[in-house]
Amino acid sequence: MASDKRPPITLACDSCKRRNYVTTKNKTNTRERIELKKYCRWCRQHQPHKETR
């Protein structure tokens, strides 16, 4: 059962704006939006991915 403390979030590529990844984060410890460098298969390179709403 999913907890409200770790909701699922979607990560979108900064360059092509496609939503590539779904992950979870702890809302109580990390209030701001996260940004990770992940591989985008449409850009074919590692790009920064930001949390979307």
PDB file of N, CA and C in Angstrom:
ATOM      1  N   MET A   1       0.844  -1.180   0.000  1.00  0.00           N
ATOM      2  CA  MET A   1       0.000   0.000   0.000  1.00  0.00           C
ATOM      3  C   MET A   1       0.889   1.242   0.000  1.00  0.00           C
ATOM      4  N   ALA A   2       0.594   2.183  -0.874  1.00  0.00           N
ATOM      5  CA  ALA A   2       1.401   3.390  -0.990  1.00  0.00           C
ATOM      6  C   ALA A   2       1.105   4.337   0.167  1.00  0.00           C
ATOM      7  N   SER A   3       2.163   4.960   0.648  1.00  0.00           N
ATOM      8  CA  SER A   3       2.036   5.893   1.760  1.00  0.00           C
ATOM      9  C   SER A   3       1.939   7.314   1.230  1.00  0.00           C
ATOM     10  N   ASP A   4       1.332   8.204   2.023  1.00  0.00           N
ATOM     11  CA  ASP A   4       1.259   9.608   1.632  1.00  0.00           C
ATOM     12  C   ASP A   4       2.595  10.308   1.791  1.00  0.00           C
ATOM     13  N   LYS A   5       3.508   9.713   2.574  1.00  0.00           N
ATOM     14  CA  LYS A   5       4.819  10.316   2.752  1.00  0.00           C
ATOM     15  C   LYS A   5       5.716  10.102   1.545  1.00  0.00           C
ATOM     16  N   ARG A   6       5.474   9.043   0.769  1.00  0.00           N
ATOM     17  CA  ARG A   6       6.273   8.766  -0.414  1.00  0.00           C
ATOM     18  C   ARG A   6       5.375   8.664  -1.645  1.00  0.00           C
ATOM     19  N   PRO A   7       4.837   9.790  -2.132  1.00  0.00           N
ATOM     20  CA  PRO A   7       3.962   9.732  -3.301  1.00  0.00           C
ATOM     21  C   PRO A   7       4.753   9.547  -4.595  1.00  0.00           C
ATOM     22  N   PRO A   8       4.128   8.985  -5.619  1.00  0.00           N
ATOM     23  CA  PRO A   8       4.816   8.867  -6.908  1.00  0.00           C
ATOM     24  C   PRO A   8       4.938  10.231  -7.578  1.00  0.00           C
ATOM     25  N   ILE A   9       6.090  10.473  -8.199  1.00  0.00           N
ATOM     26  CA  ILE A   9       6.315  11.712  -8.939  1.00  0.00           C
ATOM     27  C   ILE A   9       6.777  11.358 -10.341  1.00  0.00           C
ATOM     28  N   THR A  10       6.553  12.265 -11.281  1.00  0.00           N
ATOM     29  CA  THR A  10       6.927  12.066 -12.673  1.00  0.00           C
ATOM     30  C   THR A  10       8.089  12.985 -13.004  1.00  0.00           C
ATOM     31  N   LEU A  11       9.083  12.465 -13.710  1.00  0.00           N
ATOM     32  CA  LEU A  11      10.238  13.252 -14.126  1.00  0.00           C
ATOM     33  C   LEU A  11      10.147  13.507 -15.630  1.00  0.00           C
ATOM     34  N   ALA A  12      10.316  14.782 -16.021  1.00  0.00           N
ATOM     35  CA  ALA A  12      10.238  15.172 -17.425  1.00  0.00           C
ATOM     36  C   ALA A  12      11.582  15.738 -17.878  1.00  0.00           C
ATOM     37  N   CYS A  13      11.938  15.444 -19.102  1.00  0.00           N
ATOM     38  CA  CYS A  13      13.182  15.924 -19.698  1.00  0.00           C
ATOM     39  C   CYS A  13      13.114  17.442 -19.892  1.00  0.00           C
ATOM     40  N   ASP A  14      14.235  18.124 -19.619  1.00  0.00           N
ATOM     41  CA  ASP A  14      14.263  19.577 -19.777  1.00  0.00           C
ATOM     42  C   ASP A  14      14.275  20.007 -21.240  1.00  0.00           C
ATOM     43  N   SER A  15      14.924  19.241 -22.100  1.00  0.00           N
ATOM     44  CA  SER A  15      15.062  19.682 -23.490  1.00  0.00           C
ATOM     45  C   SER A  15      13.849  19.325 -24.345  1.00  0.00           C
ATOM     46  N   CYS A  16      13.354  18.090 -24.251  1.00  0.00           N
ATOM     47  CA  CYS A  16      12.232  17.693 -25.115  1.00  0.00           C
ATOM     48  C   CYS A  16      10.888  17.685 -24.385  1.00  0.00           C
ATOM     49  N   LYS A  17      10.885  17.864 -23.062  1.00  0.00           N
ATOM     50  CA  LYS A  17       9.672  17.961 -22.233  1.00  0.00           C
ATOM     51  C   LYS A  17       8.850  16.674 -22.180  1.00  0.00           C
ATOM     52  N   ARG A  18       9.450  15.558 -22.549  1.00  0.00           N
ATOM     53  CA  ARG A  18       8.728  14.281 -22.457  1.00  0.00           C
ATOM     54  C   ARG A  18       8.843  13.721 -21.059  1.00  0.00           C
ATOM     55  N   ARG A  19       7.780  13.093 -20.598  1.00  0.00           N
ATOM     56  CA  ARG A  19       7.750  12.502 -19.264  1.00  0.00           C
ATOM     57  C   ARG A  19       8.242  11.069 -19.359  1.00  0.00           C
ATOM     58  N   ASN A  20       9.470  10.834 -18.897  1.00  0.00           N
ATOM     59  CA  ASN A  20      10.144   9.559 -19.118  1.00  0.00           C
ATOM     60  C   ASN A  20      10.139   8.635 -17.916  1.00  0.00           C
ATOM     61  N   TYR A  21      10.191   9.176 -16.704  1.00  0.00           N
ATOM     62  CA  TYR A  21      10.384   8.350 -15.517  1.00  0.00           C
ATOM     63  C   TYR A  21       9.321   8.631 -14.462  1.00  0.00           C
ATOM     64  N   VAL A  22       8.999   7.579 -13.686  1.00  0.00           N
ATOM     65  CA  VAL A  22       8.126   7.698 -12.518  1.00  0.00           C
ATOM     66  C   VAL A  22       8.891   7.124 -11.340  1.00  0.00           C
ATOM     67  N   THR A  23       8.980   7.890 -10.260  1.00  0.00           N
ATOM     68  CA  THR A  23       9.695   7.464  -9.071  1.00  0.00           C
ATOM     69  C   THR A  23       8.951   7.987  -7.850  1.00  0.00           C
ATOM     70  N   THR A  24       9.499   7.751  -6.664  1.00  0.00           N
ATOM     71  CA  THR A  24       8.894   8.256  -5.432  1.00  0.00           C
ATOM     72  C   THR A  24       9.917   9.104  -4.687  1.00  0.00           C
ATOM     73  N   LYS A  25       9.409   9.982  -3.824  1.00  0.00           N
ATOM     74  CA  LYS A  25      10.292  10.753  -2.962  1.00  0.00           C
ATOM     75  C   LYS A  25       9.599  10.969  -1.632  1.00  0.00           C
ATOM     76  N   ASN A  26      10.382  11.214  -0.602  1.00  0.00           N
ATOM     77  CA  ASN A  26       9.858  11.447   0.729  1.00  0.00           C
ATOM     78  C   ASN A  26       9.472  12.923   0.849  1.00  0.00           C
ATOM     79  N   LYS A  27       8.166  13.195   0.979  1.00  0.00           N
ATOM     80  CA  LYS A  27       7.675  14.576   1.034  1.00  0.00           C
ATOM     81  C   LYS A  27       8.079  15.289   2.315  1.00  0.00           C
ATOM     82  N   THR A  28       8.233  14.556   3.417  1.00  0.00           N
ATOM     83  CA  THR A  28       8.570  15.214   4.674  1.00  0.00           C
ATOM     84  C   THR A  28      10.021  15.691   4.701  1.00  0.00           C
ATOM     85  N   ASN A  29      10.924  14.951   4.074  1.00  0.00           N
ATOM     86  CA  ASN A  29      12.341  15.335   4.063  1.00  0.00           C
ATOM     87  C   ASN A  29      12.689  16.260   2.909  1.00  0.00           C
ATOM     88  N   THR A  30      12.051  16.076   1.759  1.00  0.00           N
ATOM     89  CA  THR A  30      12.369  16.834   0.544  1.00  0.00           C
ATOM     90  C   THR A  30      11.129  17.570   0.082  1.00  0.00           C
ATOM     91  N   ARG A  31      11.008  18.830   0.453  1.00  0.00           N
ATOM     92  CA  ARG A  31       9.824  19.605   0.091  1.00  0.00           C
ATOM     93  C   ARG A  31       9.923  20.194  -1.320  1.00  0.00           C
ATOM     94  N   GLU A  32      11.126  20.583  -1.749  1.00  0.00           N
ATOM     95  CA  GLU A  32      11.278  21.211  -3.057  1.00  0.00           C
ATOM     96  C   GLU A  32      11.270  20.155  -4.164  1.00  0.00           C
ATOM     97  N   ARG A  33      11.122  20.611  -5.382  1.00  0.00           N
ATOM     98  CA  ARG A  33      11.119  19.705  -6.529  1.00  0.00           C
ATOM     99  C   ARG A  33      12.530  19.186  -6.791  1.00  0.00           C
ATOM    100  N   ILE A  34      12.618  17.922  -7.171  1.00  0.00           N
ATOM    101  CA  ILE A  34      13.930  17.326  -7.398  1.00  0.00           C
ATOM    102  C   ILE A  34      14.309  17.434  -8.877  1.00  0.00           C
ATOM    103  N   GLU A  35      15.607  17.393  -9.135  1.00  0.00           N
ATOM    104  CA  GLU A  35      16.138  17.396 -10.497  1.00  0.00           C
ATOM    105  C   GLU A  35      17.257  16.370 -10.550  1.00  0.00           C
ATOM    106  N   LEU A  36      17.113  15.398 -11.443  1.00  0.00           N
ATOM    107  CA  LEU A  36      18.099  14.331 -11.592  1.00  0.00           C
ATOM    108  C   LEU A  36      18.584  14.285 -13.033  1.00  0.00           C
ATOM    109  N   LYS A  37      19.807  13.858 -13.219  1.00  0.00           N
ATOM    110  CA  LYS A  37      20.351  13.695 -14.567  1.00  0.00           C
ATOM    111  C   LYS A  37      20.111  12.255 -14.989  1.00  0.00           C
ATOM    112  N   LYS A  38      19.196  12.058 -15.935  1.00  0.00           N
ATOM    113  CA  LYS A  38      18.791  10.723 -16.382  1.00  0.00           C
ATOM    114  C   LYS A  38      18.938  10.639 -17.898  1.00  0.00           C
ATOM    115  N   TYR A  39      18.884   9.410 -18.410  1.00  0.00           N
ATOM    116  CA  TYR A  39      19.002   9.187 -19.851  1.00  0.00           C
ATOM    117  C   TYR A  39      17.639   9.394 -20.512  1.00  0.00           C
ATOM    118  N   CYS A  40      17.598  10.205 -21.553  1.00  0.00           N
ATOM    119  CA  CYS A  40      16.379  10.416 -22.343  1.00  0.00           C
ATOM    120  C   CYS A  40      16.538   9.653 -23.650  1.00  0.00           C
ATOM    121  N   ARG A  41      15.625   8.726 -23.915  1.00  0.00           N
ATOM    122  CA  ARG A  41      15.781   7.900 -25.111  1.00  0.00           C
ATOM    123  C   ARG A  41      15.391   8.643 -26.379  1.00  0.00           C
ATOM    124  N   TRP A  42      14.668   9.748 -26.281  1.00  0.00           N
ATOM    125  CA  TRP A  42      14.325  10.533 -27.462  1.00  0.00           C
ATOM    126  C   TRP A  42      15.453  11.506 -27.818  1.00  0.00           C
ATOM    127  N   CYS A  43      16.119  12.060 -26.816  1.00  0.00           N
ATOM    128  CA  CYS A  43      17.285  12.921 -27.059  1.00  0.00           C
ATOM    129  C   CYS A  43      18.550  12.103 -27.279  1.00  0.00           C
ATOM    130  N   ARG A  44      18.533  10.849 -26.823  1.00  0.00           N
ATOM    131  CA  ARG A  44      19.651   9.917 -26.916  1.00  0.00           C
ATOM    132  C   ARG A  44      20.899  10.404 -26.184  1.00  0.00           C
ATOM    133  N   GLN A  45      20.681  11.047 -25.048  1.00  0.00           N
ATOM    134  CA  GLN A  45      21.794  11.460 -24.197  1.00  0.00           C
ATOM    135  C   GLN A  45      21.277  11.739 -22.794  1.00  0.00           C
ATOM    136  N   HIS A  46      22.197  11.886 -21.852  1.00  0.00           N
ATOM    137  CA  HIS A  46      21.811  12.191 -20.480  1.00  0.00           C
ATOM    138  C   HIS A  46      21.424  13.661 -20.388  1.00  0.00           C
ATOM    139  N   GLN A  47      20.243  13.908 -19.863  1.00  0.00           N
ATOM    140  CA  GLN A  47      19.700  15.264 -19.732  1.00  0.00           C
ATOM    141  C   GLN A  47      19.179  15.450 -18.305  1.00  0.00           C
ATOM    142  N   PRO A  48      19.109  16.687 -17.815  1.00  0.00           N
ATOM    143  CA  PRO A  48      18.454  16.904 -16.525  1.00  0.00           C
ATOM    144  C   PRO A  48      16.953  16.671 -16.635  1.00  0.00           C
ATOM    145  N   HIS A  49      16.406  15.954 -15.687  1.00  0.00           N
ATOM    146  CA  HIS A  49      14.963  15.690 -15.618  1.00  0.00           C
ATOM    147  C   HIS A  49      14.422  16.323 -14.344  1.00  0.00           C
ATOM    148  N   LYS A  50      13.356  17.103 -14.468  1.00  0.00           N
ATOM    149  CA  LYS A  50      12.766  17.784 -13.329  1.00  0.00           C
ATOM    150  C   LYS A  50      11.423  17.160 -12.972  1.00  0.00           C
ATOM    151  N   GLU A  51      11.076  17.307 -11.718  1.00  0.00           N
ATOM    152  CA  GLU A  51       9.798  16.807 -11.217  1.00  0.00           C
ATOM    153  C   GLU A  51       8.647  17.655 -11.775  1.00  0.00           C
ATOM    154  N   THR A  52       7.624  16.969 -12.258  1.00  0.00           N
ATOM    155  CA  THR A  52       6.434  17.659 -12.764  1.00  0.00           C
ATOM    156  C   THR A  52       5.277  17.408 -11.806  1.00  0.00           C
ATOM    157  N   ARG A  53       4.235  18.167 -11.974  1.00  0.00           N
ATOM    158  CA  ARG A  53       3.044  18.014 -11.121  1.00  0.00           C
ATOM    159  C   ARG A  53       1.990  17.203 -11.820  1.00  0.00           C
TER     160      ARG A  53
END
